[in-house]
Amino acid sequence: MTARALKCDRSPIDDTIGWYNRTAETYAADTLVRNPVELRTAFLARLPRGSLILDAGSGSGRDTLAFLEAGYEVEAFDASEELAEISTLVTGRKTRVARFESFTGPQGRYDGVWAFASLLHVAQHDLPDALDRLAHVLKPGGWLFANFKLGQGERIDGYGRHYTDMDSELLLPLFGDASGWSEVLTSVQTAEAAFGEPTGWVNLLARKSPD
């Protein structure tokens, strides 16, 4: 197979993961000093004290570490091999390398799933399956947090990263009655993304049906 053919076989998601691998140290250093305390607090308020959380797309390990320090048990994965190594060093817990599109785990294992600025890299047509995979590992009544950059549809940013931008109009139908979620809350805010870029966000808290 030629180099040209290999390049054509790469997907935008592959290129996105490649960017995070190449810039892992710089990206991690930047995100470790940004601290979404209010979002984590709102998430933890819905979970039993000391419960088990999955940090899905853990990046630098910042939030895994914060959950551990708050007295919760945490398991984590990230699609970037380099960020998973950094997360493991930061947290002292092994971070698994996995992608949302193929992630698997035991049914009903986690009280909460935290997907901070991570599901937003999944292709729009793959989002329903990715959410089903996360719902599978959530306990009945467990909570999912996720956030997306505010907008509509897929794009490639100036760094070459793939994004699926969402707003409430696009997001809420993914959590309809037939999808196994019983409560869905959304909010919109403006906050800094990595490297200090002011960004609009749509935040989501969704509860898996308790029965």
N, C-alpha and C. Protein backbone atom coordinates (compact mmCIF):
# COMPACT_ATOMS: atom_id res chain seq x y z
N MET A 1 0.85 -1.19 0.00
CA MET A 1 0.00 0.00 0.00
C MET A 1 0.88 1.24 0.00
N THR A 2 0.57 2.22 -0.80
CA THR A 2 1.41 3.41 -0.92
C THR A 2 1.14 4.37 0.22
N ALA A 3 2.09 5.31 0.39
CA ALA A 3 1.92 6.34 1.41
C ALA A 3 0.68 7.18 1.13
N ARG A 4 0.40 7.41 -0.15
CA ARG A 4 -0.79 8.19 -0.52
C ARG A 4 -2.06 7.46 -0.07
N ALA A 5 -2.10 6.16 -0.28
CA ALA A 5 -3.27 5.38 0.12
C ALA A 5 -3.42 5.36 1.63
N LEU A 6 -2.31 5.25 2.36
CA LEU A 6 -2.37 5.27 3.81
C LEU A 6 -2.94 6.58 4.31
N LYS A 7 -2.53 7.67 3.71
CA LYS A 7 -3.03 8.97 4.12
C LYS A 7 -4.53 9.06 3.88
N CYS A 8 -5.00 8.53 2.78
CA CYS A 8 -6.42 8.58 2.46
C CYS A 8 -7.23 7.74 3.43
N ASP A 9 -6.61 6.68 4.00
CA ASP A 9 -7.32 5.82 4.93
C ASP A 9 -7.53 6.46 6.29
N ARG A 10 -6.83 7.51 6.60
CA ARG A 10 -6.97 8.18 7.88
C ARG A 10 -8.28 8.95 7.93
N SER A 11 -8.93 8.89 9.08
CA SER A 11 -10.17 9.61 9.26
C SER A 11 -9.90 10.92 10.00
N PRO A 12 -10.85 11.85 10.00
CA PRO A 12 -10.69 13.07 10.81
C PRO A 12 -10.49 12.76 12.29
N ILE A 13 -11.07 11.67 12.77
CA ILE A 13 -10.89 11.30 14.18
C ILE A 13 -9.45 10.85 14.42
N ASP A 14 -8.89 10.09 13.46
CA ASP A 14 -7.47 9.69 13.56
C ASP A 14 -6.58 10.93 13.62
N ASP A 15 -6.86 11.89 12.76
CA ASP A 15 -6.06 13.12 12.74
C ASP A 15 -6.19 13.89 14.05
N THR A 16 -7.38 13.89 14.63
CA THR A 16 -7.61 14.56 15.91
C THR A 16 -6.80 13.90 17.01
N ILE A 17 -6.84 12.59 17.08
CA ILE A 17 -6.06 11.86 18.09
C ILE A 17 -4.57 12.09 17.86
N GLY A 18 -4.15 12.14 16.60
CA GLY A 18 -2.76 12.42 16.29
C GLY A 18 -2.32 13.77 16.81
N TRP A 19 -3.20 14.77 16.69
CA TRP A 19 -2.87 16.11 17.20
C TRP A 19 -2.65 16.06 18.71
N TYR A 20 -3.55 15.37 19.42
CA TYR A 20 -3.39 15.27 20.87
C TYR A 20 -2.13 14.50 21.25
N ASN A 21 -1.77 13.48 20.49
CA ASN A 21 -0.52 12.77 20.76
C ASN A 21 0.68 13.68 20.57
N ARG A 22 0.67 14.49 19.51
CA ARG A 22 1.82 15.37 19.22
C ARG A 22 1.95 16.50 20.23
N THR A 23 0.85 16.97 20.76
CA THR A 23 0.86 18.16 21.63
C THR A 23 0.51 17.82 23.07
N ALA A 24 0.61 16.56 23.44
CA ALA A 24 0.10 16.10 24.74
C ALA A 24 0.67 16.90 25.91
N GLU A 25 1.97 17.12 25.94
CA GLU A 25 2.57 17.81 27.09
C GLU A 25 2.08 19.25 27.20
N THR A 26 2.06 19.95 26.06
CA THR A 26 1.60 21.35 26.06
C THR A 26 0.12 21.43 26.41
N TYR A 27 -0.68 20.56 25.81
CA TYR A 27 -2.11 20.55 26.05
C TYR A 27 -2.40 20.23 27.52
N ALA A 28 -1.75 19.21 28.05
CA ALA A 28 -1.98 18.82 29.44
C ALA A 28 -1.60 19.94 30.40
N ALA A 29 -0.46 20.59 30.17
CA ALA A 29 -0.03 21.67 31.04
C ALA A 29 -1.07 22.79 31.07
N ASP A 30 -1.66 23.07 29.92
CA ASP A 30 -2.67 24.13 29.85
C ASP A 30 -3.95 23.73 30.58
N THR A 31 -4.43 22.51 30.35
CA THR A 31 -5.70 22.11 30.95
C THR A 31 -5.59 21.89 32.45
N LEU A 32 -4.42 21.52 32.93
CA LEU A 32 -4.26 21.28 34.36
C LEU A 32 -4.46 22.54 35.20
N VAL A 33 -4.30 23.72 34.58
CA VAL A 33 -4.50 24.96 35.33
C VAL A 33 -5.91 25.53 35.15
N ARG A 34 -6.73 24.88 34.35
CA ARG A 34 -8.14 25.28 34.20
C ARG A 34 -8.99 24.33 35.03
N ASN A 35 -9.96 24.87 35.73
CA ASN A 35 -10.59 24.06 36.76
C ASN A 35 -12.11 24.27 36.76
N PRO A 36 -12.88 23.38 36.11
CA PRO A 36 -14.33 23.54 36.02
C PRO A 36 -15.04 23.10 37.31
N VAL A 37 -14.78 23.81 38.39
CA VAL A 37 -15.27 23.41 39.71
C VAL A 37 -16.79 23.35 39.74
N GLU A 38 -17.47 24.35 39.19
CA GLU A 38 -18.93 24.40 39.27
C GLU A 38 -19.57 23.21 38.55
N LEU A 39 -19.03 22.85 37.40
CA LEU A 39 -19.58 21.72 36.65
C LEU A 39 -19.35 20.41 37.39
N ARG A 40 -18.16 20.23 37.94
CA ARG A 40 -17.90 19.01 38.72
C ARG A 40 -18.79 18.94 39.95
N THR A 41 -19.00 20.09 40.61
CA THR A 41 -19.83 20.12 41.81
C THR A 41 -21.26 19.72 41.50
N ALA A 42 -21.80 20.24 40.40
CA ALA A 42 -23.17 19.90 40.01
C ALA A 42 -23.31 18.42 39.68
N PHE A 43 -22.28 17.85 39.09
CA PHE A 43 -22.26 16.42 38.77
C PHE A 43 -22.19 15.58 40.04
N LEU A 44 -21.25 15.91 40.92
CA LEU A 44 -21.06 15.12 42.13
C LEU A 44 -22.24 15.20 43.08
N ALA A 45 -22.97 16.31 43.04
CA ALA A 45 -24.14 16.47 43.90
C ALA A 45 -25.21 15.42 43.61
N ARG A 46 -25.16 14.81 42.45
CA ARG A 46 -26.15 13.81 42.05
C ARG A 46 -25.71 12.38 42.30
N LEU A 47 -24.48 12.21 42.80
CA LEU A 47 -23.93 10.86 43.00
C LEU A 47 -23.79 10.53 44.47
N PRO A 48 -23.91 9.26 44.83
CA PRO A 48 -23.64 8.87 46.22
C PRO A 48 -22.18 9.15 46.58
N ARG A 49 -21.97 9.55 47.79
CA ARG A 49 -20.61 9.81 48.26
C ARG A 49 -19.75 8.56 48.10
N GLY A 50 -18.54 8.72 47.57
CA GLY A 50 -17.62 7.61 47.44
C GLY A 50 -17.93 6.65 46.31
N SER A 51 -18.83 7.03 45.41
CA SER A 51 -19.24 6.13 44.34
C SER A 51 -18.18 6.04 43.25
N LEU A 52 -18.43 5.18 42.26
CA LEU A 52 -17.47 4.90 41.20
C LEU A 52 -17.82 5.72 39.95
N ILE A 53 -16.84 6.46 39.46
CA ILE A 53 -17.00 7.35 38.30
C ILE A 53 -16.11 6.85 37.17
N LEU A 54 -16.62 6.94 35.95
CA LEU A 54 -15.81 6.74 34.76
C LEU A 54 -15.50 8.10 34.16
N ASP A 55 -14.22 8.45 34.08
CA ASP A 55 -13.78 9.67 33.40
C ASP A 55 -13.52 9.29 31.94
N ALA A 56 -14.47 9.63 31.09
CA ALA A 56 -14.48 9.17 29.69
C ALA A 56 -13.88 10.24 28.79
N GLY A 57 -12.64 10.01 28.37
CA GLY A 57 -11.89 11.03 27.64
C GLY A 57 -11.21 11.94 28.65
N SER A 58 -10.34 11.34 29.46
CA SER A 58 -9.83 12.01 30.67
C SER A 58 -8.76 13.05 30.40
N GLY A 59 -8.20 13.09 29.18
CA GLY A 59 -7.20 14.11 28.87
C GLY A 59 -6.02 14.05 29.82
N SER A 60 -5.72 15.18 30.45
CA SER A 60 -4.56 15.28 31.34
C SER A 60 -4.73 14.53 32.64
N GLY A 61 -5.95 14.11 32.97
CA GLY A 61 -6.21 13.47 34.26
C GLY A 61 -6.62 14.46 35.34
N ARG A 62 -6.81 15.71 34.96
CA ARG A 62 -7.18 16.76 35.93
C ARG A 62 -8.43 16.40 36.73
N ASP A 63 -9.49 15.98 36.02
CA ASP A 63 -10.74 15.72 36.71
C ASP A 63 -10.73 14.38 37.44
N THR A 64 -10.04 13.39 36.88
CA THR A 64 -9.84 12.14 37.61
C THR A 64 -9.21 12.42 38.97
N LEU A 65 -8.17 13.24 38.97
CA LEU A 65 -7.47 13.57 40.22
C LEU A 65 -8.40 14.31 41.18
N ALA A 66 -9.18 15.26 40.67
CA ALA A 66 -10.10 16.01 41.53
C ALA A 66 -11.14 15.09 42.15
N PHE A 67 -11.67 14.14 41.39
CA PHE A 67 -12.64 13.20 41.93
C PHE A 67 -12.00 12.30 43.00
N LEU A 68 -10.80 11.83 42.74
CA LEU A 68 -10.10 11.00 43.72
C LEU A 68 -9.87 11.78 45.02
N GLU A 69 -9.44 13.02 44.89
CA GLU A 69 -9.17 13.83 46.08
C GLU A 69 -10.45 14.15 46.84
N ALA A 70 -11.60 14.12 46.15
CA ALA A 70 -12.88 14.36 46.81
C ALA A 70 -13.46 13.09 47.44
N GLY A 71 -12.75 11.97 47.30
CA GLY A 71 -13.17 10.75 47.97
C GLY A 71 -13.95 9.77 47.12
N TYR A 72 -13.90 9.95 45.79
CA TYR A 72 -14.60 9.05 44.88
C TYR A 72 -13.62 8.05 44.28
N GLU A 73 -14.14 6.92 43.84
CA GLU A 73 -13.35 5.97 43.08
C GLU A 73 -13.50 6.33 41.59
N VAL A 74 -12.42 6.19 40.84
CA VAL A 74 -12.43 6.63 39.45
C VAL A 74 -11.68 5.65 38.56
N GLU A 75 -12.26 5.35 37.41
CA GLU A 75 -11.57 4.67 36.32
C GLU A 75 -11.62 5.61 35.12
N ALA A 76 -10.63 5.52 34.22
CA ALA A 76 -10.53 6.51 33.16
C ALA A 76 -10.03 5.89 31.87
N PHE A 77 -10.42 6.53 30.76
CA PHE A 77 -9.85 6.17 29.46
C PHE A 77 -9.70 7.42 28.62
N ASP A 78 -8.81 7.33 27.63
CA ASP A 78 -8.63 8.40 26.65
C ASP A 78 -8.16 7.78 25.35
N ALA A 79 -8.52 8.41 24.24
CA ALA A 79 -8.13 7.88 22.93
C ALA A 79 -6.67 8.15 22.60
N SER A 80 -6.09 9.16 23.23
CA SER A 80 -4.69 9.51 22.97
C SER A 80 -3.76 8.71 23.87
N GLU A 81 -2.85 7.96 23.26
CA GLU A 81 -1.90 7.18 24.04
C GLU A 81 -1.02 8.07 24.91
N GLU A 82 -0.62 9.21 24.35
CA GLU A 82 0.27 10.11 25.08
C GLU A 82 -0.44 10.76 26.26
N LEU A 83 -1.69 11.19 26.07
CA LEU A 83 -2.44 11.77 27.18
C LEU A 83 -2.77 10.72 28.23
N ALA A 84 -3.03 9.49 27.81
CA ALA A 84 -3.29 8.43 28.78
C ALA A 84 -2.07 8.21 29.67
N GLU A 85 -0.88 8.31 29.10
CA GLU A 85 0.34 8.17 29.91
C GLU A 85 0.45 9.31 30.91
N ILE A 86 0.16 10.54 30.45
CA ILE A 86 0.23 11.69 31.36
C ILE A 86 -0.81 11.56 32.46
N SER A 87 -2.03 11.18 32.09
CA SER A 87 -3.09 11.00 33.07
C SER A 87 -2.70 9.96 34.12
N THR A 88 -2.08 8.89 33.69
CA THR A 88 -1.64 7.86 34.63
C THR A 88 -0.62 8.42 35.61
N LEU A 89 0.31 9.23 35.12
CA LEU A 89 1.31 9.83 35.99
C LEU A 89 0.69 10.85 36.94
N VAL A 90 -0.24 11.66 36.44
CA VAL A 90 -0.86 12.72 37.25
C VAL A 90 -1.70 12.11 38.37
N THR A 91 -2.43 11.04 38.06
CA THR A 91 -3.42 10.51 39.00
C THR A 91 -2.93 9.33 39.83
N GLY A 92 -1.88 8.66 39.35
CA GLY A 92 -1.45 7.44 40.00
C GLY A 92 -2.36 6.26 39.73
N ARG A 93 -3.29 6.42 38.79
CA ARG A 93 -4.21 5.35 38.39
C ARG A 93 -4.03 5.08 36.91
N LYS A 94 -4.00 3.82 36.53
CA LYS A 94 -3.81 3.46 35.14
C LYS A 94 -4.97 3.98 34.30
N THR A 95 -4.65 4.75 33.26
CA THR A 95 -5.66 5.25 32.33
C THR A 95 -5.65 4.38 31.08
N ARG A 96 -6.77 3.81 30.78
CA ARG A 96 -6.93 2.91 29.63
C ARG A 96 -6.93 3.71 28.33
N VAL A 97 -6.39 3.14 27.28
CA VAL A 97 -6.47 3.75 25.94
C VAL A 97 -7.67 3.13 25.22
N ALA A 98 -8.63 3.96 24.87
CA ALA A 98 -9.85 3.48 24.20
C ALA A 98 -10.53 4.66 23.52
N ARG A 99 -11.32 4.33 22.50
CA ARG A 99 -12.11 5.33 21.78
C ARG A 99 -13.59 5.13 22.11
N PHE A 100 -14.34 6.20 22.08
CA PHE A 100 -15.78 6.11 22.31
C PHE A 100 -16.44 5.15 21.33
N GLU A 101 -15.96 5.14 20.11
CA GLU A 101 -16.61 4.35 19.06
C GLU A 101 -16.50 2.84 19.29
N SER A 102 -15.53 2.42 20.11
CA SER A 102 -15.35 0.98 20.36
C SER A 102 -15.26 0.66 21.85
N PHE A 103 -15.51 1.64 22.70
CA PHE A 103 -15.41 1.43 24.14
C PHE A 103 -16.38 0.35 24.62
N THR A 104 -15.89 -0.52 25.48
CA THR A 104 -16.74 -1.53 26.12
C THR A 104 -16.41 -1.58 27.61
N GLY A 105 -17.40 -2.00 28.39
CA GLY A 105 -17.19 -2.14 29.81
C GLY A 105 -18.32 -2.94 30.42
N PRO A 106 -18.19 -3.33 31.68
CA PRO A 106 -19.23 -4.14 32.33
C PRO A 106 -20.55 -3.37 32.46
N GLN A 107 -21.63 -4.06 32.24
CA GLN A 107 -22.94 -3.42 32.35
C GLN A 107 -23.19 -2.95 33.78
N GLY A 108 -23.68 -1.70 33.90
CA GLY A 108 -24.09 -1.17 35.20
C GLY A 108 -22.97 -1.01 36.21
N ARG A 109 -21.77 -0.74 35.76
CA ARG A 109 -20.63 -0.66 36.69
C ARG A 109 -20.53 0.69 37.41
N TYR A 110 -20.86 1.79 36.72
CA TYR A 110 -20.52 3.12 37.24
C TYR A 110 -21.76 3.88 37.73
N ASP A 111 -21.55 4.64 38.81
CA ASP A 111 -22.59 5.55 39.31
C ASP A 111 -22.67 6.81 38.46
N GLY A 112 -21.56 7.19 37.85
CA GLY A 112 -21.53 8.39 37.03
C GLY A 112 -20.50 8.27 35.93
N VAL A 113 -20.78 8.90 34.79
CA VAL A 113 -19.83 9.00 33.68
C VAL A 113 -19.61 10.48 33.40
N TRP A 114 -18.35 10.87 33.40
CA TRP A 114 -17.94 12.26 33.20
C TRP A 114 -17.23 12.34 31.86
N ALA A 115 -17.83 13.06 30.90
CA ALA A 115 -17.25 13.18 29.56
C ALA A 115 -17.05 14.66 29.25
N PHE A 116 -16.05 15.23 29.89
CA PHE A 116 -15.78 16.66 29.76
C PHE A 116 -14.98 16.92 28.49
N ALA A 117 -15.56 17.70 27.56
CA ALA A 117 -14.88 18.10 26.32
C ALA A 117 -14.25 16.92 25.60
N SER A 118 -14.99 15.81 25.52
CA SER A 118 -14.45 14.60 24.89
C SER A 118 -15.41 14.01 23.85
N LEU A 119 -16.66 13.83 24.20
CA LEU A 119 -17.64 13.34 23.22
C LEU A 119 -17.76 14.27 22.02
N LEU A 120 -17.36 15.51 22.20
CA LEU A 120 -17.47 16.50 21.12
C LEU A 120 -16.57 16.19 19.93
N HIS A 121 -15.64 15.24 20.09
CA HIS A 121 -14.81 14.83 18.96
C HIS A 121 -15.38 13.65 18.19
N VAL A 122 -16.46 13.06 18.68
CA VAL A 122 -17.08 11.90 18.01
C VAL A 122 -17.88 12.40 16.80
N ALA A 123 -17.78 11.68 15.68
CA ALA A 123 -18.55 12.04 14.49
C ALA A 123 -20.04 12.02 14.83
N GLN A 124 -20.78 12.93 14.21
CA GLN A 124 -22.20 13.09 14.56
C GLN A 124 -22.98 11.78 14.38
N HIS A 125 -22.69 11.04 13.31
CA HIS A 125 -23.44 9.81 13.08
C HIS A 125 -23.07 8.70 14.06
N ASP A 126 -21.94 8.86 14.78
CA ASP A 126 -21.53 7.86 15.76
C ASP A 126 -21.99 8.20 17.18
N LEU A 127 -22.54 9.40 17.39
CA LEU A 127 -22.91 9.80 18.74
C LEU A 127 -23.97 8.90 19.38
N PRO A 128 -25.04 8.51 18.68
CA PRO A 128 -26.02 7.64 19.33
C PRO A 128 -25.41 6.34 19.85
N ASP A 129 -24.52 5.72 19.06
CA ASP A 129 -23.88 4.49 19.50
C ASP A 129 -22.95 4.75 20.69
N ALA A 130 -22.21 5.86 20.65
CA ALA A 130 -21.31 6.19 21.76
C ALA A 130 -22.10 6.39 23.05
N LEU A 131 -23.24 7.05 22.95
CA LEU A 131 -24.08 7.26 24.13
C LEU A 131 -24.65 5.95 24.64
N ASP A 132 -25.03 5.07 23.72
CA ASP A 132 -25.51 3.74 24.13
C ASP A 132 -24.43 2.98 24.89
N ARG A 133 -23.19 3.10 24.44
CA ARG A 133 -22.08 2.40 25.11
C ARG A 133 -21.88 2.94 26.53
N LEU A 134 -22.02 4.26 26.70
CA LEU A 134 -21.88 4.84 28.03
C LEU A 134 -23.08 4.49 28.90
N ALA A 135 -24.28 4.49 28.32
CA ALA A 135 -25.47 4.09 29.09
C ALA A 135 -25.36 2.65 29.57
N HIS A 136 -24.75 1.80 28.76
CA HIS A 136 -24.60 0.39 29.12
C HIS A 136 -23.80 0.23 30.41
N VAL A 137 -22.76 1.04 30.59
CA VAL A 137 -21.90 0.87 31.77
C VAL A 137 -22.40 1.66 32.98
N LEU A 138 -23.41 2.50 32.79
CA LEU A 138 -24.00 3.24 33.90
C LEU A 138 -24.97 2.36 34.67
N LYS A 139 -24.99 2.52 35.99
CA LYS A 139 -26.01 1.88 36.80
C LYS A 139 -27.37 2.53 36.51
N PRO A 140 -28.47 1.81 36.69
CA PRO A 140 -29.79 2.45 36.63
C PRO A 140 -29.84 3.62 37.61
N GLY A 141 -30.29 4.76 37.13
CA GLY A 141 -30.32 5.95 37.96
C GLY A 141 -29.02 6.72 37.98
N GLY A 142 -27.98 6.21 37.30
CA GLY A 142 -26.69 6.91 37.24
C GLY A 142 -26.74 8.12 36.34
N TRP A 143 -25.74 8.97 36.47
CA TRP A 143 -25.73 10.25 35.75
C TRP A 143 -24.55 10.35 34.78
N LEU A 144 -24.83 10.97 33.65
CA LEU A 144 -23.82 11.31 32.64
C LEU A 144 -23.68 12.82 32.57
N PHE A 145 -22.44 13.30 32.59
CA PHE A 145 -22.15 14.69 32.23
C PHE A 145 -21.40 14.70 30.91
N ALA A 146 -21.81 15.59 30.02
CA ALA A 146 -21.07 15.81 28.76
C ALA A 146 -21.23 17.26 28.36
N ASN A 147 -20.27 17.76 27.62
CA ASN A 147 -20.43 19.10 27.07
C ASN A 147 -19.85 19.16 25.66
N PHE A 148 -20.40 20.09 24.90
CA PHE A 148 -20.05 20.27 23.49
C PHE A 148 -19.85 21.76 23.23
N LYS A 149 -19.01 22.07 22.26
CA LYS A 149 -18.92 23.46 21.83
C LYS A 149 -20.22 23.83 21.13
N LEU A 150 -20.66 25.04 21.42
CA LEU A 150 -21.98 25.48 20.98
C LEU A 150 -21.99 25.75 19.48
N GLY A 151 -22.93 25.11 18.77
CA GLY A 151 -23.05 25.28 17.33
C GLY A 151 -23.90 24.16 16.76
N GLN A 152 -23.81 23.97 15.48
CA GLN A 152 -24.58 22.92 14.82
C GLN A 152 -23.74 22.25 13.75
N GLY A 153 -23.46 20.97 13.94
CA GLY A 153 -22.81 20.20 12.89
C GLY A 153 -21.33 20.01 13.07
N GLU A 154 -20.73 19.35 12.08
CA GLU A 154 -19.33 18.94 12.15
C GLU A 154 -18.43 19.97 11.47
N ARG A 155 -17.20 20.07 11.99
CA ARG A 155 -16.23 21.00 11.42
C ARG A 155 -14.83 20.55 11.82
N ILE A 156 -13.84 21.12 11.16
CA ILE A 156 -12.43 20.95 11.51
C ILE A 156 -11.93 22.30 11.98
N ASP A 157 -11.33 22.36 13.16
CA ASP A 157 -10.87 23.65 13.68
C ASP A 157 -9.50 24.01 13.12
N GLY A 158 -8.97 25.13 13.57
CA GLY A 158 -7.71 25.62 13.05
C GLY A 158 -6.51 24.76 13.38
N TYR A 159 -6.65 23.85 14.34
CA TYR A 159 -5.58 22.91 14.67
C TYR A 159 -5.70 21.60 13.90
N GLY A 160 -6.78 21.46 13.12
CA GLY A 160 -7.00 20.22 12.40
C GLY A 160 -7.80 19.18 13.17
N ARG A 161 -8.44 19.59 14.27
CA ARG A 161 -9.23 18.67 15.08
C ARG A 161 -10.68 18.63 14.61
N HIS A 162 -11.24 17.44 14.60
CA HIS A 162 -12.65 17.28 14.25
C HIS A 162 -13.54 17.59 15.45
N TYR A 163 -14.61 18.34 15.21
CA TYR A 163 -15.60 18.63 16.24
C TYR A 163 -16.99 18.36 15.71
N THR A 164 -17.86 17.88 16.60
CA THR A 164 -19.29 17.88 16.36
C THR A 164 -19.89 18.89 17.32
N ASP A 165 -20.26 20.05 16.80
CA ASP A 165 -20.85 21.10 17.62
C ASP A 165 -22.33 20.82 17.80
N MET A 166 -22.83 21.17 18.99
CA MET A 166 -24.21 20.88 19.33
C MET A 166 -24.85 22.08 20.01
N ASP A 167 -26.18 22.12 19.95
CA ASP A 167 -26.96 22.99 20.82
C ASP A 167 -28.08 22.14 21.40
N SER A 168 -28.93 22.74 22.22
CA SER A 168 -29.99 21.95 22.85
C SER A 168 -30.92 21.33 21.83
N GLU A 169 -31.17 22.03 20.74
CA GLU A 169 -32.08 21.52 19.70
C GLU A 169 -31.56 20.23 19.09
N LEU A 170 -30.24 20.11 18.91
CA LEU A 170 -29.65 18.89 18.37
C LEU A 170 -29.42 17.84 19.45
N LEU A 171 -29.12 18.29 20.65
CA LEU A 171 -28.70 17.37 21.70
C LEU A 171 -29.87 16.62 22.34
N LEU A 172 -30.94 17.31 22.63
CA LEU A 172 -32.04 16.70 23.38
C LEU A 172 -32.66 15.49 22.69
N PRO A 173 -32.82 15.49 21.35
CA PRO A 173 -33.40 14.30 20.72
C PRO A 173 -32.58 13.02 20.92
N LEU A 174 -31.29 13.14 21.21
CA LEU A 174 -30.47 11.96 21.47
C LEU A 174 -30.82 11.30 22.80
N PHE A 175 -31.58 12.01 23.63
CA PHE A 175 -31.92 11.53 24.97
C PHE A 175 -33.44 11.41 25.13
N GLY A 176 -34.14 11.10 24.06
CA GLY A 176 -35.58 10.96 24.09
C GLY A 176 -36.04 9.76 24.88
N ASP A 177 -37.36 9.61 25.00
CA ASP A 177 -37.96 8.57 25.85
C ASP A 177 -37.48 7.17 25.49
N ALA A 178 -37.24 6.92 24.22
CA ALA A 178 -36.88 5.57 23.79
C ALA A 178 -35.40 5.25 24.01
N SER A 179 -34.61 6.21 24.46
CA SER A 179 -33.16 6.01 24.55
C SER A 179 -32.68 5.58 25.94
N GLY A 180 -33.60 5.45 26.90
CA GLY A 180 -33.22 4.94 28.20
C GLY A 180 -32.78 5.98 29.20
N TRP A 181 -33.06 7.26 28.93
CA TRP A 181 -32.71 8.33 29.85
C TRP A 181 -33.99 8.93 30.43
N SER A 182 -34.00 9.19 31.73
CA SER A 182 -35.24 9.64 32.37
C SER A 182 -35.27 11.13 32.70
N GLU A 183 -34.12 11.75 32.78
CA GLU A 183 -34.04 13.17 33.13
C GLU A 183 -32.87 13.79 32.38
N VAL A 184 -33.10 14.91 31.74
CA VAL A 184 -32.06 15.55 30.94
C VAL A 184 -32.08 17.05 31.23
N LEU A 185 -30.93 17.58 31.60
CA LEU A 185 -30.80 19.01 31.90
C LEU A 185 -29.70 19.59 31.02
N THR A 186 -29.96 20.74 30.41
CA THR A 186 -28.94 21.41 29.62
C THR A 186 -28.78 22.85 30.08
N SER A 187 -27.60 23.37 29.88
CA SER A 187 -27.32 24.78 30.16
C SER A 187 -26.30 25.27 29.15
N VAL A 188 -26.25 26.57 28.97
CA VAL A 188 -25.31 27.18 28.03
C VAL A 188 -24.44 28.17 28.79
N GLN A 189 -23.16 28.17 28.47
CA GLN A 189 -22.26 29.12 29.11
C GLN A 189 -21.14 29.51 28.14
N THR A 190 -20.46 30.57 28.47
CA THR A 190 -19.23 30.93 27.77
C THR A 190 -18.07 30.73 28.74
N ALA A 191 -17.08 29.96 28.33
CA ALA A 191 -15.93 29.68 29.19
C ALA A 191 -14.72 29.42 28.30
N GLU A 192 -13.54 29.54 28.88
CA GLU A 192 -12.33 29.33 28.12
C GLU A 192 -12.15 27.86 27.77
N ALA A 193 -11.79 27.59 26.53
CA ALA A 193 -11.34 26.26 26.13
C ALA A 193 -9.83 26.20 26.34
N ALA A 194 -9.22 25.11 25.88
CA ALA A 194 -7.76 25.01 25.98
C ALA A 194 -7.10 26.20 25.31
N PHE A 195 -5.99 26.62 25.89
CA PHE A 195 -5.18 27.74 25.40
C PHE A 195 -5.92 29.08 25.51
N GLY A 196 -6.94 29.12 26.36
CA GLY A 196 -7.57 30.39 26.71
C GLY A 196 -8.54 30.96 25.71
N GLU A 197 -9.03 30.16 24.80
CA GLU A 197 -9.95 30.65 23.78
C GLU A 197 -11.36 30.73 24.33
N PRO A 198 -11.99 31.93 24.40
CA PRO A 198 -13.38 32.03 24.86
C PRO A 198 -14.30 31.25 23.92
N THR A 199 -15.13 30.40 24.49
CA THR A 199 -15.92 29.46 23.70
C THR A 199 -17.31 29.32 24.30
N GLY A 200 -18.33 29.24 23.44
CA GLY A 200 -19.66 28.90 23.90
C GLY A 200 -19.79 27.40 24.07
N TRP A 201 -20.45 26.98 25.14
CA TRP A 201 -20.60 25.56 25.46
C TRP A 201 -22.06 25.25 25.75
N VAL A 202 -22.49 24.06 25.40
CA VAL A 202 -23.74 23.51 25.91
C VAL A 202 -23.37 22.34 26.82
N ASN A 203 -23.82 22.42 28.07
CA ASN A 203 -23.53 21.40 29.08
C ASN A 203 -24.76 20.53 29.29
N LEU A 204 -24.53 19.26 29.55
CA LEU A 204 -25.63 18.32 29.68
C LEU A 204 -25.43 17.42 30.90
N LEU A 205 -26.50 17.24 31.66
CA LEU A 205 -26.57 16.22 32.70
C LEU A 205 -27.76 15.33 32.38
N ALA A 206 -27.53 14.03 32.25
CA ALA A 206 -28.60 13.11 31.88
C ALA A 206 -28.58 11.93 32.84
N ARG A 207 -29.78 11.57 33.31
CA ARG A 207 -29.90 10.44 34.25
C ARG A 207 -30.44 9.22 33.52
N LYS A 208 -29.73 8.10 33.68
CA LYS A 208 -30.21 6.85 33.12
C LYS A 208 -31.48 6.41 33.85
N SER A 209 -32.44 5.90 33.11
CA SER A 209 -33.69 5.46 33.73
C SER A 209 -33.41 4.51 34.88
N PRO A 210 -34.06 4.71 36.04
CA PRO A 210 -33.76 3.88 37.20
C PRO A 210 -34.31 2.47 37.12
N ASP A 211 -35.16 2.17 36.14
CA ASP A 211 -35.66 0.79 36.01
C ASP A 211 -35.62 0.33 34.58
